[in-house]
Every structure is written in C-alpha cells, then in structure tokens.
Amino acid sequence: MKEPFWTLYLTLTVHGHPPDIWYYNVKLRNEAIYIGTNEHHITVLANHGGWHVTINQSHDGQVAGGFDDLVNLRWDVTPEIGRALEWIRHHRVNM
C-alpha cells in the first residue's frame, strides 16, 4: 500500500469505519478509498501514490501527493468532500 492510501486506511479502520458502504461521505475498500459522493469524489488507490478526482464519472488523471497534501485540500465545490477531509485531518492515526 502506498501513501496516502495507507494512512487513510489505517485512520478509517482504527475509528471503526465499515467497509464497502458510504459512511460519512467515505467508502472504504481494500483496493480504494472514495471521499465524497457517487457523482463527485476523490479516489485514493491502494497501489498508486496520490489520488484522482471524479466528477460525473470522468477524471483527468492521477495527482501525485501524500496524506497531508490530500487532507489539506480546500474543497468547497462539493461540501461532502470538504467535511470528510476535515474529519480525516483531525482524526489521523500514525504508525
């Protein structure tokens, strides 16, 4: 697992996030973590460093970055994404 997936995965599992369902605008899977909604979300893949943003089923490609880069994004287009990133930022678990 690469960053930021590893730290996100650890943070969510330690805090009891259920797998495979949208819960507080985050869906946790073993291969990817989705932050937002079905229509607008950030996808963090387990085996790729960084993330990509999906808007209405299309995305422009992978953005390189670590955990801090991701959770410090200022996202106001889709409030659900901003709220989820804020929660993750304040509940980070370090190993």
PDB file of N, CA and C in Angstrom:
ATOM      1  N   MET A   1       0.835  -1.177   0.000  1.00  0.00           N
ATOM      2  CA  MET A   1       0.000   0.000   0.000  1.00  0.00           C
ATOM      3  C   MET A   1       0.881   1.242   0.000  1.00  0.00           C
ATOM      4  N   LYS A   2       0.478   2.207  -0.769  1.00  0.00           N
ATOM      5  CA  LYS A   2       1.225   3.450  -0.877  1.00  0.00           C
ATOM      6  C   LYS A   2       0.480   4.585  -0.186  1.00  0.00           C
ATOM      7  N   GLU A   3       1.195   5.683   0.015  1.00  0.00           N
ATOM      8  CA  GLU A   3       0.559   6.879   0.582  1.00  0.00           C
ATOM      9  C   GLU A   3      -0.162   7.644  -0.521  1.00  0.00           C
ATOM     10  N   PRO A   4      -1.243   8.267  -0.220  1.00  0.00           N
ATOM     11  CA  PRO A   4      -1.854   8.471   1.086  1.00  0.00           C
ATOM     12  C   PRO A   4      -2.809   7.353   1.513  1.00  0.00           C
ATOM     13  N   PHE A   5      -2.956   6.311   0.677  1.00  0.00           N
ATOM     14  CA  PHE A   5      -3.908   5.240   0.983  1.00  0.00           C
ATOM     15  C   PHE A   5      -3.640   4.628   2.358  1.00  0.00           C
ATOM     16  N   TRP A   6      -2.379   4.291   2.645  1.00  0.00           N
ATOM     17  CA  TRP A   6      -2.059   3.584   3.883  1.00  0.00           C
ATOM     18  C   TRP A   6      -2.535   4.356   5.111  1.00  0.00           C
ATOM     19  N   THR A   7      -2.219   5.642   5.193  1.00  0.00           N
ATOM     20  CA  THR A   7      -2.612   6.423   6.363  1.00  0.00           C
ATOM     21  C   THR A   7      -4.129   6.602   6.420  1.00  0.00           C
ATOM     22  N   LEU A   8      -4.771   6.803   5.284  1.00  0.00           N
ATOM     23  CA  LEU A   8      -6.238   6.886   5.251  1.00  0.00           C
ATOM     24  C   LEU A   8      -6.861   5.580   5.735  1.00  0.00           C
ATOM     25  N   TYR A   9      -6.380   4.470   5.197  1.00  0.00           N
ATOM     26  CA  TYR A   9      -6.914   3.155   5.552  1.00  0.00           C
ATOM     27  C   TYR A   9      -6.757   2.894   7.045  1.00  0.00           C
ATOM     28  N   LEU A  10      -5.582   3.166   7.560  1.00  0.00           N
ATOM     29  CA  LEU A  10      -5.314   2.967   8.982  1.00  0.00           C
ATOM     30  C   LEU A  10      -6.225   3.847   9.832  1.00  0.00           C
ATOM     31  N   THR A  11      -6.346   5.107   9.473  1.00  0.00           N
ATOM     32  CA  THR A  11      -7.184   6.043  10.214  1.00  0.00           C
ATOM     33  C   THR A  11      -8.637   5.582  10.229  1.00  0.00           C
ATOM     34  N   LEU A  12      -9.149   5.197   9.079  1.00  0.00           N
ATOM     35  CA  LEU A  12     -10.550   4.792   8.993  1.00  0.00           C
ATOM     36  C   LEU A  12     -10.814   3.489   9.739  1.00  0.00           C
ATOM     37  N   THR A  13      -9.931   2.510   9.604  1.00  0.00           N
ATOM     38  CA  THR A  13     -10.169   1.230  10.276  1.00  0.00           C
ATOM     39  C   THR A  13     -10.031   1.344  11.793  1.00  0.00           C
ATOM     40  N   VAL A  14      -9.080   2.125  12.259  1.00  0.00           N
ATOM     41  CA  VAL A  14      -8.925   2.316  13.707  1.00  0.00           C
ATOM     42  C   VAL A  14     -10.176   2.959  14.305  1.00  0.00           C
ATOM     43  N   HIS A  15     -10.818   3.837  13.546  1.00  0.00           N
ATOM     44  CA  HIS A  15     -12.022   4.518  14.021  1.00  0.00           C
ATOM     45  C   HIS A  15     -13.302   3.751  13.675  1.00  0.00           C
ATOM     46  N   GLY A  16     -13.170   2.497  13.229  1.00  0.00           N
ATOM     47  CA  GLY A  16     -14.317   1.627  13.033  1.00  0.00           C
ATOM     48  C   GLY A  16     -15.153   1.897  11.795  1.00  0.00           C
ATOM     49  N   HIS A  17     -14.559   2.482  10.767  1.00  0.00           N
ATOM     50  CA  HIS A  17     -15.313   2.760   9.541  1.00  0.00           C
ATOM     51  C   HIS A  17     -15.706   1.438   8.874  1.00  0.00           C
ATOM     52  N   PRO A  18     -16.987   1.247   8.561  1.00  0.00           N
ATOM     53  CA  PRO A  18     -17.411  -0.006   7.933  1.00  0.00           C
ATOM     54  C   PRO A  18     -16.958  -0.081   6.473  1.00  0.00           C
ATOM     55  N   PRO A  19     -16.635  -1.279   5.999  1.00  0.00           N
ATOM     56  CA  PRO A  19     -16.198  -1.432   4.609  1.00  0.00           C
ATOM     57  C   PRO A  19     -17.369  -1.448   3.623  1.00  0.00           C
ATOM     58  N   ASP A  20     -17.073  -1.022   2.399  1.00  0.00           N
ATOM     59  CA  ASP A  20     -17.952  -1.172   1.230  1.00  0.00           C
ATOM     60  C   ASP A  20     -19.278  -0.419   1.269  1.00  0.00           C
ATOM     61  N   ILE A  21     -19.414   0.567   2.142  1.00  0.00           N
ATOM     62  CA  ILE A  21     -20.619   1.407   2.116  1.00  0.00           C
ATOM     63  C   ILE A  21     -20.204   2.866   2.291  1.00  0.00           C
ATOM     64  N   TRP A  22     -21.032   3.773   1.797  1.00  0.00           N
ATOM     65  CA  TRP A  22     -20.797   5.193   2.046  1.00  0.00           C
ATOM     66  C   TRP A  22     -21.162   5.470   3.497  1.00  0.00           C
ATOM     67  N   TYR A  23     -20.218   5.938   4.259  1.00  0.00           N
ATOM     68  CA  TYR A  23     -20.412   6.247   5.670  1.00  0.00           C
ATOM     69  C   TYR A  23     -19.704   7.568   5.929  1.00  0.00           C
ATOM     70  N   TYR A  24     -20.468   8.593   6.276  1.00  0.00           N
ATOM     71  CA  TYR A  24     -19.932   9.941   6.444  1.00  0.00           C
ATOM     72  C   TYR A  24     -19.129  10.377   5.218  1.00  0.00           C
ATOM     73  N   ASN A  25     -19.679  10.098   4.061  1.00  0.00           N
ATOM     74  CA  ASN A  25     -19.123  10.512   2.774  1.00  0.00           C
ATOM     75  C   ASN A  25     -17.761   9.898   2.456  1.00  0.00           C
ATOM     76  N   VAL A  26     -17.518   8.711   3.000  1.00  0.00           N
ATOM     77  CA  VAL A  26     -16.306   7.967   2.678  1.00  0.00           C
ATOM     78  C   VAL A  26     -16.700   6.508   2.469  1.00  0.00           C
ATOM     79  N   LYS A  27     -16.166   5.919   1.398  1.00  0.00           N
ATOM     80  CA  LYS A  27     -16.361   4.485   1.160  1.00  0.00           C
ATOM     81  C   LYS A  27     -14.985   3.827   1.200  1.00  0.00           C
ATOM     82  N   LEU A  28     -14.832   2.851   2.078  1.00  0.00           N
ATOM     83  CA  LEU A  28     -13.572   2.162   2.309  1.00  0.00           C
ATOM     84  C   LEU A  28     -13.608   0.789   1.649  1.00  0.00           C
ATOM     85  N   ARG A  29     -12.647   0.545   0.791  1.00  0.00           N
ATOM     86  CA  ARG A  29     -12.467  -0.776   0.185  1.00  0.00           C
ATOM     87  C   ARG A  29     -10.988  -1.139   0.296  1.00  0.00           C
ATOM     88  N   ASN A  30     -10.679  -2.417   0.123  1.00  0.00           N
ATOM     89  CA  ASN A  30      -9.281  -2.838   0.215  1.00  0.00           C
ATOM     90  C   ASN A  30      -8.424  -2.271  -0.909  1.00  0.00           C
ATOM     91  N   GLU A  31      -9.018  -1.998  -2.060  1.00  0.00           N
ATOM     92  CA  GLU A  31      -8.253  -1.515  -3.212  1.00  0.00           C
ATOM     93  C   GLU A  31      -8.347  -0.009  -3.429  1.00  0.00           C
ATOM     94  N   ALA A  32      -9.331   0.647  -2.787  1.00  0.00           N
ATOM     95  CA  ALA A  32      -9.522   2.089  -2.991  1.00  0.00           C
ATOM     96  C   ALA A  32     -10.342   2.689  -1.861  1.00  0.00           C
ATOM     97  N   ILE A  33     -10.148   3.981  -1.654  1.00  0.00           N
ATOM     98  CA  ILE A  33     -10.955   4.755  -0.720  1.00  0.00           C
ATOM     99  C   ILE A  33     -11.553   5.902  -1.507  1.00  0.00           C
ATOM    100  N   TYR A  34     -12.864   6.083  -1.375  1.00  0.00           N
ATOM    101  CA  TYR A  34     -13.584   7.137  -2.080  1.00  0.00           C
ATOM    102  C   TYR A  34     -14.045   8.165  -1.053  1.00  0.00           C
ATOM    103  N   ILE A  35     -13.825   9.438  -1.355  1.00  0.00           N
ATOM    104  CA  ILE A  35     -14.205  10.514  -0.446  1.00  0.00           C
ATOM    105  C   ILE A  35     -15.146  11.440  -1.198  1.00  0.00           C
ATOM    106  N   GLY A  36     -16.400  11.522  -0.761  1.00  0.00           N
ATOM    107  CA  GLY A  36     -17.374  12.401  -1.413  1.00  0.00           C
ATOM    108  C   GLY A  36     -18.713  11.738  -1.614  1.00  0.00           C
ATOM    109  N   THR A  37     -19.149  11.660  -2.857  1.00  0.00           N
ATOM    110  CA  THR A  37     -20.423  11.039  -3.223  1.00  0.00           C
ATOM    111  C   THR A  37     -20.208  10.190  -4.476  1.00  0.00           C
ATOM    112  N   ASN A  38     -21.218   9.453  -4.886  1.00  0.00           N
ATOM    113  CA  ASN A  38     -21.087   8.669  -6.116  1.00  0.00           C
ATOM    114  C   ASN A  38     -20.746   9.548  -7.317  1.00  0.00           C
ATOM    115  N   GLU A  39     -21.331  10.743  -7.395  1.00  0.00           N
ATOM    116  CA  GLU A  39     -21.143  11.611  -8.552  1.00  0.00           C
ATOM    117  C   GLU A  39     -19.840  12.404  -8.510  1.00  0.00           C
ATOM    118  N   HIS A  40     -19.434  12.848  -7.327  1.00  0.00           N
ATOM    119  CA  HIS A  40     -18.234  13.673  -7.152  1.00  0.00           C
ATOM    120  C   HIS A  40     -17.413  13.096  -6.007  1.00  0.00           C
ATOM    121  N   HIS A  41     -16.237  12.593  -6.319  1.00  0.00           N
ATOM    122  CA  HIS A  41     -15.413  12.031  -5.249  1.00  0.00           C
ATOM    123  C   HIS A  41     -13.932  12.061  -5.599  1.00  0.00           C
ATOM    124  N   ILE A  42     -13.151  11.944  -4.563  1.00  0.00           N
ATOM    125  CA  ILE A  42     -11.712  11.751  -4.680  1.00  0.00           C
ATOM    126  C   ILE A  42     -11.467  10.260  -4.493  1.00  0.00           C
ATOM    127  N   THR A  43     -10.709   9.670  -5.399  1.00  0.00           N
ATOM    128  CA  THR A  43     -10.379   8.251  -5.319  1.00  0.00           C
ATOM    129  C   THR A  43      -8.908   8.108  -4.961  1.00  0.00           C
ATOM    130  N   VAL A  44      -8.646   7.386  -3.891  1.00  0.00           N
ATOM    131  CA  VAL A  44      -7.284   7.100  -3.466  1.00  0.00           C
ATOM    132  C   VAL A  44      -7.083   5.595  -3.644  1.00  0.00           C
ATOM    133  N   LEU A  45      -6.199   5.216  -4.548  1.00  0.00           N
ATOM    134  CA  LEU A  45      -5.966   3.806  -4.851  1.00  0.00           C
ATOM    135  C   LEU A  45      -4.840   3.243  -3.981  1.00  0.00           C
ATOM    136  N   ALA A  46      -4.970   1.975  -3.600  1.00  0.00           N
ATOM    137  CA  ALA A  46      -4.004   1.348  -2.699  1.00  0.00           C
ATOM    138  C   ALA A  46      -2.602   1.281  -3.290  1.00  0.00           C
ATOM    139  N   ASN A  47      -2.490   1.001  -4.564  1.00  0.00           N
ATOM    140  CA  ASN A  47      -1.177   0.752  -5.164  1.00  0.00           C
ATOM    141  C   ASN A  47      -0.665   1.891  -6.029  1.00  0.00           C
ATOM    142  N   HIS A  48      -1.212   3.085  -5.849  1.00  0.00           N
ATOM    143  CA  HIS A  48      -0.752   4.265  -6.576  1.00  0.00           C
ATOM    144  C   HIS A  48      -0.581   5.411  -5.589  1.00  0.00           C
ATOM    145  N   GLY A  49       0.533   6.087  -5.660  1.00  0.00           N
ATOM    146  CA  GLY A  49       0.730   7.261  -4.825  1.00  0.00           C
ATOM    147  C   GLY A  49      -0.124   8.402  -5.349  1.00  0.00           C
ATOM    148  N   GLY A  50      -0.860   9.044  -4.489  1.00  0.00           N
ATOM    149  CA  GLY A  50      -1.696  10.165  -4.890  1.00  0.00           C
ATOM    150  C   GLY A  50      -3.161   9.791  -4.986  1.00  0.00           C
ATOM    151  N   TRP A  51      -3.900  10.528  -5.842  1.00  0.00           N
ATOM    152  CA  TRP A  51      -5.348  10.360  -5.964  1.00  0.00           C
ATOM    153  C   TRP A  51      -5.818  10.950  -7.279  1.00  0.00           C
ATOM    154  N   HIS A  52      -7.083  10.725  -7.592  1.00  0.00           N
ATOM    155  CA  HIS A  52      -7.702  11.450  -8.701  1.00  0.00           C
ATOM    156  C   HIS A  52      -9.104  11.871  -8.286  1.00  0.00           C
ATOM    157  N   VAL A  53      -9.592  12.914  -8.942  1.00  0.00           N
ATOM    158  CA  VAL A  53     -10.914  13.467  -8.664  1.00  0.00           C
ATOM    159  C   VAL A  53     -11.857  13.039  -9.787  1.00  0.00           C
ATOM    160  N   THR A  54     -13.005  12.499  -9.412  1.00  0.00           N
ATOM    161  CA  THR A  54     -14.015  12.100 -10.381  1.00  0.00           C
ATOM    162  C   THR A  54     -15.203  13.040 -10.258  1.00  0.00           C
ATOM    163  N   ILE A  55     -15.593  13.622 -11.384  1.00  0.00           N
ATOM    164  CA  ILE A  55     -16.768  14.485 -11.443  1.00  0.00           C
ATOM    165  C   ILE A  55     -17.645  13.967 -12.563  1.00  0.00           C
ATOM    166  N   ASN A  56     -18.851  13.527 -12.197  1.00  0.00           N
ATOM    167  CA  ASN A  56     -19.800  12.953 -13.157  1.00  0.00           C
ATOM    168  C   ASN A  56     -19.160  11.865 -14.018  1.00  0.00           C
ATOM    169  N   GLN A  57     -18.484  10.927 -13.390  1.00  0.00           N
ATOM    170  CA  GLN A  57     -17.900   9.738 -13.993  1.00  0.00           C
ATOM    171  C   GLN A  57     -16.707   9.996 -14.902  1.00  0.00           C
ATOM    172  N   SER A  58     -16.076  11.143 -14.807  1.00  0.00           N
ATOM    173  CA  SER A  58     -14.859  11.356 -15.585  1.00  0.00           C
ATOM    174  C   SER A  58     -13.799  12.006 -14.691  1.00  0.00           C
ATOM    175  N   HIS A  59     -12.537  11.713 -15.016  1.00  0.00           N
ATOM    176  CA  HIS A  59     -11.436  12.323 -14.269  1.00  0.00           C
ATOM    177  C   HIS A  59     -10.268  12.588 -15.207  1.00  0.00           C
ATOM    178  N   ASP A  60      -9.443  13.551 -14.812  1.00  0.00           N
ATOM    179  CA  ASP A  60      -8.334  13.996 -15.657  1.00  0.00           C
ATOM    180  C   ASP A  60      -7.040  13.246 -15.416  1.00  0.00           C
ATOM    181  N   GLY A  61      -6.987  12.374 -14.451  1.00  0.00           N
ATOM    182  CA  GLY A  61      -5.763  11.623 -14.191  1.00  0.00           C
ATOM    183  C   GLY A  61      -5.293  11.764 -12.761  1.00  0.00           C
ATOM    184  N   GLN A  62      -4.269  11.007 -12.472  1.00  0.00           N
ATOM    185  CA  GLN A  62      -3.742  10.907 -11.120  1.00  0.00           C
ATOM    186  C   GLN A  62      -2.964  12.161 -10.733  1.00  0.00           C
ATOM    187  N   VAL A  63      -3.152  12.596  -9.483  1.00  0.00           N
ATOM    188  CA  VAL A  63      -2.414  13.712  -8.896  1.00  0.00           C
ATOM    189  C   VAL A  63      -1.451  13.114  -7.879  1.00  0.00           C
ATOM    190  N   ALA A  64      -0.187  13.457  -7.980  1.00  0.00           N
ATOM    191  CA  ALA A  64       0.797  12.961  -7.024  1.00  0.00           C
ATOM    192  C   ALA A  64       0.682  13.751  -5.723  1.00  0.00           C
ATOM    193  N   GLY A  65       0.831  13.060  -4.604  1.00  0.00           N
ATOM    194  CA  GLY A  65       0.797  13.743  -3.320  1.00  0.00           C
ATOM    195  C   GLY A  65       0.642  12.763  -2.185  1.00  0.00           C
ATOM    196  N   GLY A  66       0.987  13.213  -1.000  1.00  0.00           N
ATOM    197  CA  GLY A  66       0.893  12.392   0.196  1.00  0.00           C
ATOM    198  C   GLY A  66      -0.352  12.697   1.000  1.00  0.00           C
ATOM    199  N   PHE A  67      -0.414  12.114   2.170  1.00  0.00           N
ATOM    200  CA  PHE A  67      -1.572  12.264   3.051  1.00  0.00           C
ATOM    201  C   PHE A  67      -1.844  13.726   3.389  1.00  0.00           C
ATOM    202  N   ASP A  68      -0.821  14.447   3.818  1.00  0.00           N
ATOM    203  CA  ASP A  68      -1.018  15.847   4.201  1.00  0.00           C
ATOM    204  C   ASP A  68      -1.489  16.697   3.028  1.00  0.00           C
ATOM    205  N   ASP A  69      -0.944  16.436   1.847  1.00  0.00           N
ATOM    206  CA  ASP A  69      -1.392  17.168   0.654  1.00  0.00           C
ATOM    207  C   ASP A  69      -2.883  16.942   0.414  1.00  0.00           C
ATOM    208  N   LEU A  70      -3.307  15.708   0.555  1.00  0.00           N
ATOM    209  CA  LEU A  70      -4.708  15.369   0.307  1.00  0.00           C
ATOM    210  C   LEU A  70      -5.636  16.005   1.327  1.00  0.00           C
ATOM    211  N   VAL A  71      -5.387  15.781   2.595  1.00  0.00           N
ATOM    212  CA  VAL A  71      -6.333  16.253   3.611  1.00  0.00           C
ATOM    213  C   VAL A  71      -6.319  17.763   3.781  1.00  0.00           C
ATOM    214  N   ASN A  72      -5.311  18.427   3.268  1.00  0.00           N
ATOM    215  CA  ASN A  72      -5.272  19.877   3.354  1.00  0.00           C
ATOM    216  C   ASN A  72      -5.834  20.561   2.107  1.00  0.00           C
ATOM    217  N   LEU A  73      -6.389  19.768   1.179  1.00  0.00           N
ATOM    218  CA  LEU A  73      -7.068  20.371   0.042  1.00  0.00           C
ATOM    219  C   LEU A  73      -8.235  21.212   0.546  1.00  0.00           C
ATOM    220  N   ARG A  74      -8.433  22.342  -0.034  1.00  0.00           N
ATOM    221  CA  ARG A  74      -9.594  23.178   0.297  1.00  0.00           C
ATOM    222  C   ARG A  74     -10.637  22.914  -0.771  1.00  0.00           C
ATOM    223  N   TRP A  75     -11.631  22.129  -0.421  1.00  0.00           N
ATOM    224  CA  TRP A  75     -12.615  21.682  -1.393  1.00  0.00           C
ATOM    225  C   TRP A  75     -13.976  22.220  -0.994  1.00  0.00           C
ATOM    226  N   ASP A  76     -14.474  23.222  -1.718  1.00  0.00           N
ATOM    227  CA  ASP A  76     -15.783  23.780  -1.397  1.00  0.00           C
ATOM    228  C   ASP A  76     -16.818  23.532  -2.488  1.00  0.00           C
ATOM    229  N   VAL A  77     -16.413  22.914  -3.591  1.00  0.00           N
ATOM    230  CA  VAL A  77     -17.343  22.627  -4.677  1.00  0.00           C
ATOM    231  C   VAL A  77     -18.377  21.590  -4.227  1.00  0.00           C
ATOM    232  N   THR A  78     -17.917  20.553  -3.570  1.00  0.00           N
ATOM    233  CA  THR A  78     -18.778  19.507  -3.031  1.00  0.00           C
ATOM    234  C   THR A  78     -18.560  19.499  -1.519  1.00  0.00           C
ATOM    235  N   PRO A  79     -19.490  20.080  -0.747  1.00  0.00           N
ATOM    236  CA  PRO A  79     -19.278  20.191   0.703  1.00  0.00           C
ATOM    237  C   PRO A  79     -19.003  18.859   1.387  1.00  0.00           C
ATOM    238  N   GLU A  80     -19.567  17.774   0.883  1.00  0.00           N
ATOM    239  CA  GLU A  80     -19.348  16.463   1.494  1.00  0.00           C
ATOM    240  C   GLU A  80     -17.868  16.087   1.483  1.00  0.00           C
ATOM    241  N   ILE A  81     -17.176  16.444   0.420  1.00  0.00           N
ATOM    242  CA  ILE A  81     -15.744  16.145   0.341  1.00  0.00           C
ATOM    243  C   ILE A  81     -14.984  16.981   1.366  1.00  0.00           C
ATOM    244  N   GLY A  82     -15.292  18.250   1.442  1.00  0.00           N
ATOM    245  CA  GLY A  82     -14.619  19.123   2.404  1.00  0.00           C
ATOM    246  C   GLY A  82     -14.810  18.671   3.836  1.00  0.00           C
ATOM    247  N   ARG A  83     -16.037  18.274   4.183  1.00  0.00           N
ATOM    248  CA  ARG A  83     -16.308  17.813   5.553  1.00  0.00           C
ATOM    249  C   ARG A  83     -15.575  16.512   5.854  1.00  0.00           C
ATOM    250  N   ALA A  84     -15.547  15.597   4.889  1.00  0.00           N
ATOM    251  CA  ALA A  84     -14.852  14.323   5.096  1.00  0.00           C
ATOM    252  C   ALA A  84     -13.352  14.545   5.257  1.00  0.00           C
ATOM    253  N   LEU A  85     -12.761  15.403   4.419  1.00  0.00           N
ATOM    254  CA  LEU A  85     -11.333  15.690   4.543  1.00  0.00           C
ATOM    255  C   LEU A  85     -11.011  16.329   5.888  1.00  0.00           C
ATOM    256  N   GLU A  86     -11.884  17.195   6.349  1.00  0.00           N
ATOM    257  CA  GLU A  86     -11.661  17.836   7.649  1.00  0.00           C
ATOM    258  C   GLU A  86     -11.682  16.804   8.773  1.00  0.00           C
ATOM    259  N   TRP A  87     -12.649  15.889   8.745  1.00  0.00           N
ATOM    260  CA  TRP A  87     -12.724  14.851   9.775  1.00  0.00           C
ATOM    261  C   TRP A  87     -11.461  13.994   9.748  1.00  0.00           C
ATOM    262  N   ILE A  88     -11.068  13.571   8.564  1.00  0.00           N
ATOM    263  CA  ILE A  88      -9.876  12.723   8.437  1.00  0.00           C
ATOM    264  C   ILE A  88      -8.646  13.462   8.948  1.00  0.00           C
ATOM    265  N   ARG A  89      -8.512  14.728   8.598  1.00  0.00           N
ATOM    266  CA  ARG A  89      -7.368  15.533   9.031  1.00  0.00           C
ATOM    267  C   ARG A  89      -7.280  15.577  10.557  1.00  0.00           C
ATOM    268  N   HIS A  90      -8.411  15.699  11.245  1.00  0.00           N
ATOM    269  CA  HIS A  90      -8.423  15.834  12.701  1.00  0.00           C
ATOM    270  C   HIS A  90      -8.382  14.492  13.439  1.00  0.00           C
ATOM    271  N   HIS A  91      -8.539  13.393  12.727  1.00  0.00           N
ATOM    272  CA  HIS A  91      -8.556  12.074  13.382  1.00  0.00           C
ATOM    273  C   HIS A  91      -7.430  11.156  12.900  1.00  0.00           C
ATOM    274  N   ARG A  92      -6.427  11.717  12.281  1.00  0.00           N
ATOM    275  CA  ARG A  92      -5.319  10.940  11.706  1.00  0.00           C
ATOM    276  C   ARG A  92      -4.710   9.998  12.748  1.00  0.00           C
ATOM    277  N   VAL A  93      -4.404   8.787  12.287  1.00  0.00           N
ATOM    278  CA  VAL A  93      -3.718   7.796  13.106  1.00  0.00           C
ATOM    279  C   VAL A  93      -2.349   7.565  12.482  1.00  0.00           C
ATOM    280  N   ASN A  94      -1.312   7.641  13.297  1.00  0.00           N
ATOM    281  CA  ASN A  94       0.057   7.424  12.820  1.00  0.00           C
ATOM    282  C   ASN A  94       0.573   6.079  13.302  1.00  0.00           C
ATOM    283  N   MET A  95       1.367   5.429  12.476  1.00  0.00           N
ATOM    284  CA  MET A  95       2.020   4.183  12.864  1.00  0.00           C
ATOM    285  C   MET A  95       3.506   4.381  12.886  1.00  0.00           C
TER     286      MET A  95
END
